[in-house]
Structures are given as C-alpha cells and as structure tokens.
C-alpha cells in the first residue's frame, strides 16, 4: 500500500501479485491489483483482476464496488 500511496503503481502491482502467489485463496491481492489498474486507467486489466477477486469472494461488497467503478469508466 505504501507504493500505491506514492504513485509507484508498477511496484505496487508487483508486490500485490507476489502476495497473490503466496495467498492463492485470498481475494484481496487480486482486488488491489485491480485497483492499481483502475488508478492507471487500464480498465480491461482492472476488470480481469477484480473479476478474479469476485470469483474468490462473491459476497465481498468492496469487490462489487470496484467492479462497479470499472463498469462506470467503461460505460457498461
């Protein structure tokens, strides 16, 4: 999260992907990768990672919210 706060999105994505490798059943690393892609306006990549997080935690309201943000920005 520190990398994200200082606009180091590439390093933040790398750290979250590493966390996803070590925590394969946890949806949060995928969600945060998606958020980083939203911040960099890469909405297709964001949708891929947020959707993966949604598969792992279909009832998480934060994940549903971020998917809504992606849908808003892509006019879906």
N, C-alpha and C. Protein backbone atom coordinates (compact mmCIF):
# COMPACT_ATOMS: atom_id res chain seq x y z
N UNK A 1 0.82 -1.19 0.00
CA UNK A 1 0.00 0.00 0.00
C UNK A 1 0.86 1.26 0.00
N UNK A 2 2.05 1.15 0.54
CA UNK A 2 2.95 2.31 0.56
C UNK A 2 3.33 2.72 -0.86
N UNK A 3 3.60 1.74 -1.72
CA UNK A 3 3.94 2.06 -3.11
C UNK A 3 2.76 2.76 -3.79
N UNK A 4 1.57 2.32 -3.52
CA UNK A 4 0.40 2.92 -4.14
C UNK A 4 0.24 4.37 -3.69
N UNK A 5 0.48 4.63 -2.42
CA UNK A 5 0.32 5.98 -1.88
C UNK A 5 1.27 6.98 -2.52
N UNK A 6 2.43 6.53 -2.97
CA UNK A 6 3.40 7.44 -3.58
C UNK A 6 3.41 7.31 -5.10
N UNK A 7 2.29 6.80 -5.64
CA UNK A 7 2.08 6.69 -7.09
C UNK A 7 3.09 5.77 -7.79
N UNK A 8 3.63 4.80 -7.09
CA UNK A 8 4.51 3.79 -7.68
C UNK A 8 3.67 2.57 -8.03
N UNK A 9 2.84 2.72 -9.05
CA UNK A 9 1.85 1.70 -9.37
C UNK A 9 2.49 0.38 -9.83
N UNK A 10 3.56 0.46 -10.61
CA UNK A 10 4.21 -0.77 -11.08
C UNK A 10 4.74 -1.59 -9.92
N UNK A 11 5.37 -0.94 -8.97
CA UNK A 11 5.91 -1.65 -7.81
C UNK A 11 4.78 -2.18 -6.92
N UNK A 12 3.70 -1.43 -6.80
CA UNK A 12 2.55 -1.88 -6.01
C UNK A 12 1.94 -3.12 -6.65
N UNK A 13 1.77 -3.10 -7.97
CA UNK A 13 1.22 -4.26 -8.67
C UNK A 13 2.12 -5.47 -8.47
N UNK A 14 3.42 -5.26 -8.58
CA UNK A 14 4.37 -6.36 -8.38
C UNK A 14 4.24 -6.95 -6.97
N UNK A 15 4.12 -6.10 -5.98
CA UNK A 15 4.00 -6.57 -4.60
C UNK A 15 2.69 -7.32 -4.39
N UNK A 16 1.60 -6.81 -4.96
CA UNK A 16 0.31 -7.48 -4.80
C UNK A 16 0.28 -8.81 -5.55
N UNK A 17 0.93 -8.88 -6.71
CA UNK A 17 0.99 -10.15 -7.43
C UNK A 17 1.82 -11.18 -6.67
N UNK A 18 2.86 -10.72 -6.03
CA UNK A 18 3.66 -11.62 -5.19
C UNK A 18 2.82 -12.13 -4.02
N UNK A 19 2.02 -11.25 -3.44
CA UNK A 19 1.13 -11.66 -2.35
C UNK A 19 0.10 -12.67 -2.85
N UNK A 20 -0.41 -12.48 -4.06
CA UNK A 20 -1.38 -13.41 -4.64
C UNK A 20 -0.76 -14.79 -4.83
N UNK A 21 0.52 -14.82 -5.15
CA UNK A 21 1.23 -16.09 -5.30
C UNK A 21 1.30 -16.83 -3.97
N UNK A 22 1.56 -16.12 -2.90
CA UNK A 22 1.70 -16.73 -1.58
C UNK A 22 0.35 -17.00 -0.90
N UNK A 23 -0.70 -16.29 -1.32
CA UNK A 23 -2.04 -16.44 -0.72
C UNK A 23 -3.05 -16.75 -1.83
N UNK A 24 -2.98 -17.93 -2.44
CA UNK A 24 -3.82 -18.20 -3.62
C UNK A 24 -5.32 -18.21 -3.34
N UNK A 25 -5.74 -18.45 -2.12
CA UNK A 25 -7.17 -18.49 -1.82
C UNK A 25 -7.72 -17.15 -1.35
N UNK A 26 -6.87 -16.16 -1.22
CA UNK A 26 -7.28 -14.84 -0.75
C UNK A 26 -7.61 -13.93 -1.94
N UNK A 27 -8.71 -13.24 -1.85
CA UNK A 27 -9.13 -12.37 -2.95
C UNK A 27 -8.49 -10.98 -2.91
N UNK A 28 -7.98 -10.58 -1.77
CA UNK A 28 -7.50 -9.20 -1.61
C UNK A 28 -6.34 -8.82 -2.52
N UNK A 29 -5.32 -9.66 -2.70
CA UNK A 29 -4.25 -9.24 -3.62
C UNK A 29 -4.77 -8.97 -5.04
N UNK A 30 -5.67 -9.82 -5.53
CA UNK A 30 -6.24 -9.61 -6.86
C UNK A 30 -7.04 -8.32 -6.91
N UNK A 31 -7.78 -8.07 -5.85
CA UNK A 31 -8.57 -6.84 -5.78
C UNK A 31 -7.67 -5.61 -5.83
N UNK A 32 -6.59 -5.63 -5.07
CA UNK A 32 -5.71 -4.47 -5.04
C UNK A 32 -4.94 -4.28 -6.33
N UNK A 33 -4.63 -5.37 -7.04
CA UNK A 33 -4.04 -5.23 -8.38
C UNK A 33 -5.06 -4.53 -9.27
N UNK A 34 -6.30 -4.96 -9.19
CA UNK A 34 -7.34 -4.30 -9.98
C UNK A 34 -7.48 -2.83 -9.65
N UNK A 35 -7.39 -2.48 -8.40
CA UNK A 35 -7.47 -1.07 -8.00
C UNK A 35 -6.31 -0.28 -8.58
N UNK A 36 -5.13 -0.86 -8.57
CA UNK A 36 -3.98 -0.17 -9.16
C UNK A 36 -4.19 0.07 -10.65
N UNK A 37 -4.76 -0.92 -11.33
CA UNK A 37 -5.04 -0.74 -12.76
C UNK A 37 -6.14 0.30 -12.98
N UNK A 38 -7.09 0.40 -12.07
CA UNK A 38 -8.09 1.46 -12.17
C UNK A 38 -7.41 2.82 -12.05
N UNK A 39 -6.49 2.94 -11.11
CA UNK A 39 -5.78 4.21 -10.90
C UNK A 39 -4.95 4.61 -12.12
N UNK A 40 -4.47 3.61 -12.88
CA UNK A 40 -3.68 3.91 -14.08
C UNK A 40 -4.54 3.92 -15.34
N UNK A 41 -5.87 3.83 -15.15
CA UNK A 41 -6.84 3.88 -16.24
C UNK A 41 -6.69 2.72 -17.23
N UNK A 42 -6.24 1.57 -16.76
CA UNK A 42 -6.16 0.35 -17.56
C UNK A 42 -7.36 -0.52 -17.17
N UNK A 43 -8.51 -0.18 -17.70
CA UNK A 43 -9.75 -0.74 -17.21
C UNK A 43 -9.95 -2.21 -17.58
N UNK A 44 -9.46 -2.63 -18.73
CA UNK A 44 -9.61 -4.04 -19.10
C UNK A 44 -8.80 -4.93 -18.16
N UNK A 45 -7.58 -4.52 -17.85
CA UNK A 45 -6.78 -5.29 -16.89
C UNK A 45 -7.41 -5.23 -15.51
N UNK A 46 -7.93 -4.07 -15.14
CA UNK A 46 -8.59 -3.93 -13.85
C UNK A 46 -9.77 -4.89 -13.75
N UNK A 47 -10.55 -4.96 -14.82
CA UNK A 47 -11.71 -5.84 -14.82
C UNK A 47 -11.30 -7.30 -14.65
N UNK A 48 -10.20 -7.69 -15.28
CA UNK A 48 -9.73 -9.06 -15.16
C UNK A 48 -9.40 -9.41 -13.71
N UNK A 49 -8.67 -8.54 -13.03
CA UNK A 49 -8.25 -8.84 -11.66
C UNK A 49 -9.38 -8.69 -10.65
N UNK A 50 -10.23 -7.71 -10.84
CA UNK A 50 -11.36 -7.56 -9.93
C UNK A 50 -12.34 -8.72 -10.11
N UNK A 51 -12.51 -9.17 -11.34
CA UNK A 51 -13.38 -10.33 -11.58
C UNK A 51 -12.81 -11.58 -10.92
N UNK A 52 -11.50 -11.74 -10.96
CA UNK A 52 -10.87 -12.87 -10.27
C UNK A 52 -11.11 -12.77 -8.77
N UNK A 53 -11.00 -11.58 -8.22
CA UNK A 53 -11.28 -11.39 -6.79
C UNK A 53 -12.73 -11.73 -6.49
N UNK A 54 -13.63 -11.38 -7.40
CA UNK A 54 -15.05 -11.67 -7.21
C UNK A 54 -15.31 -13.17 -7.23
N UNK A 55 -14.56 -13.91 -8.06
CA UNK A 55 -14.69 -15.37 -8.07
C UNK A 55 -14.31 -15.96 -6.71
N UNK A 56 -13.28 -15.40 -6.10
CA UNK A 56 -12.81 -15.92 -4.82
C UNK A 56 -13.67 -15.48 -3.65
N UNK A 57 -14.31 -14.32 -3.76
CA UNK A 57 -15.14 -13.79 -2.67
C UNK A 57 -16.38 -13.12 -3.27
N UNK A 58 -17.37 -13.92 -3.69
CA UNK A 58 -18.51 -13.35 -4.42
C UNK A 58 -19.41 -12.43 -3.58
N UNK A 59 -19.30 -12.47 -2.29
CA UNK A 59 -20.16 -11.64 -1.44
C UNK A 59 -19.47 -10.40 -0.88
N UNK A 60 -18.23 -10.16 -1.26
CA UNK A 60 -17.49 -9.02 -0.71
C UNK A 60 -17.98 -7.72 -1.33
N UNK A 61 -18.56 -6.82 -0.55
CA UNK A 61 -19.10 -5.58 -1.12
C UNK A 61 -18.02 -4.66 -1.70
N UNK A 62 -16.82 -4.69 -1.15
CA UNK A 62 -15.74 -3.85 -1.67
C UNK A 62 -15.37 -4.29 -3.09
N UNK A 63 -15.34 -5.59 -3.33
CA UNK A 63 -15.04 -6.12 -4.65
C UNK A 63 -16.15 -5.73 -5.64
N UNK A 64 -17.39 -5.86 -5.21
CA UNK A 64 -18.51 -5.46 -6.07
C UNK A 64 -18.46 -3.96 -6.39
N UNK A 65 -18.07 -3.16 -5.40
CA UNK A 65 -17.95 -1.72 -5.62
C UNK A 65 -16.89 -1.41 -6.68
N UNK A 66 -15.74 -2.05 -6.58
CA UNK A 66 -14.67 -1.80 -7.55
C UNK A 66 -15.07 -2.27 -8.94
N UNK A 67 -15.82 -3.36 -9.03
CA UNK A 67 -16.30 -3.81 -10.33
C UNK A 67 -17.28 -2.78 -10.91
N UNK A 68 -18.05 -2.15 -10.05
CA UNK A 68 -18.94 -1.08 -10.49
C UNK A 68 -18.17 0.13 -11.00
N UNK A 69 -17.05 0.44 -10.38
CA UNK A 69 -16.20 1.54 -10.83
C UNK A 69 -15.68 1.25 -12.23
N UNK A 70 -15.22 0.02 -12.44
CA UNK A 70 -14.74 -0.36 -13.77
C UNK A 70 -15.87 -0.24 -14.79
N UNK A 71 -17.05 -0.73 -14.45
CA UNK A 71 -18.19 -0.64 -15.36
C UNK A 71 -18.55 0.81 -15.67
N UNK A 72 -18.49 1.67 -14.68
CA UNK A 72 -18.78 3.09 -14.90
C UNK A 72 -17.80 3.70 -15.89
N UNK A 73 -16.50 3.44 -15.69
CA UNK A 73 -15.48 4.04 -16.55
C UNK A 73 -15.49 3.47 -17.96
N UNK A 74 -16.02 2.27 -18.12
CA UNK A 74 -16.08 1.68 -19.47
C UNK A 74 -17.47 1.81 -20.08
N UNK A 75 -18.33 2.60 -19.44
CA UNK A 75 -19.69 2.87 -19.91
C UNK A 75 -20.52 1.60 -20.11
N UNK A 76 -20.35 0.65 -19.20
CA UNK A 76 -21.15 -0.60 -19.26
C UNK A 76 -22.27 -0.55 -18.25
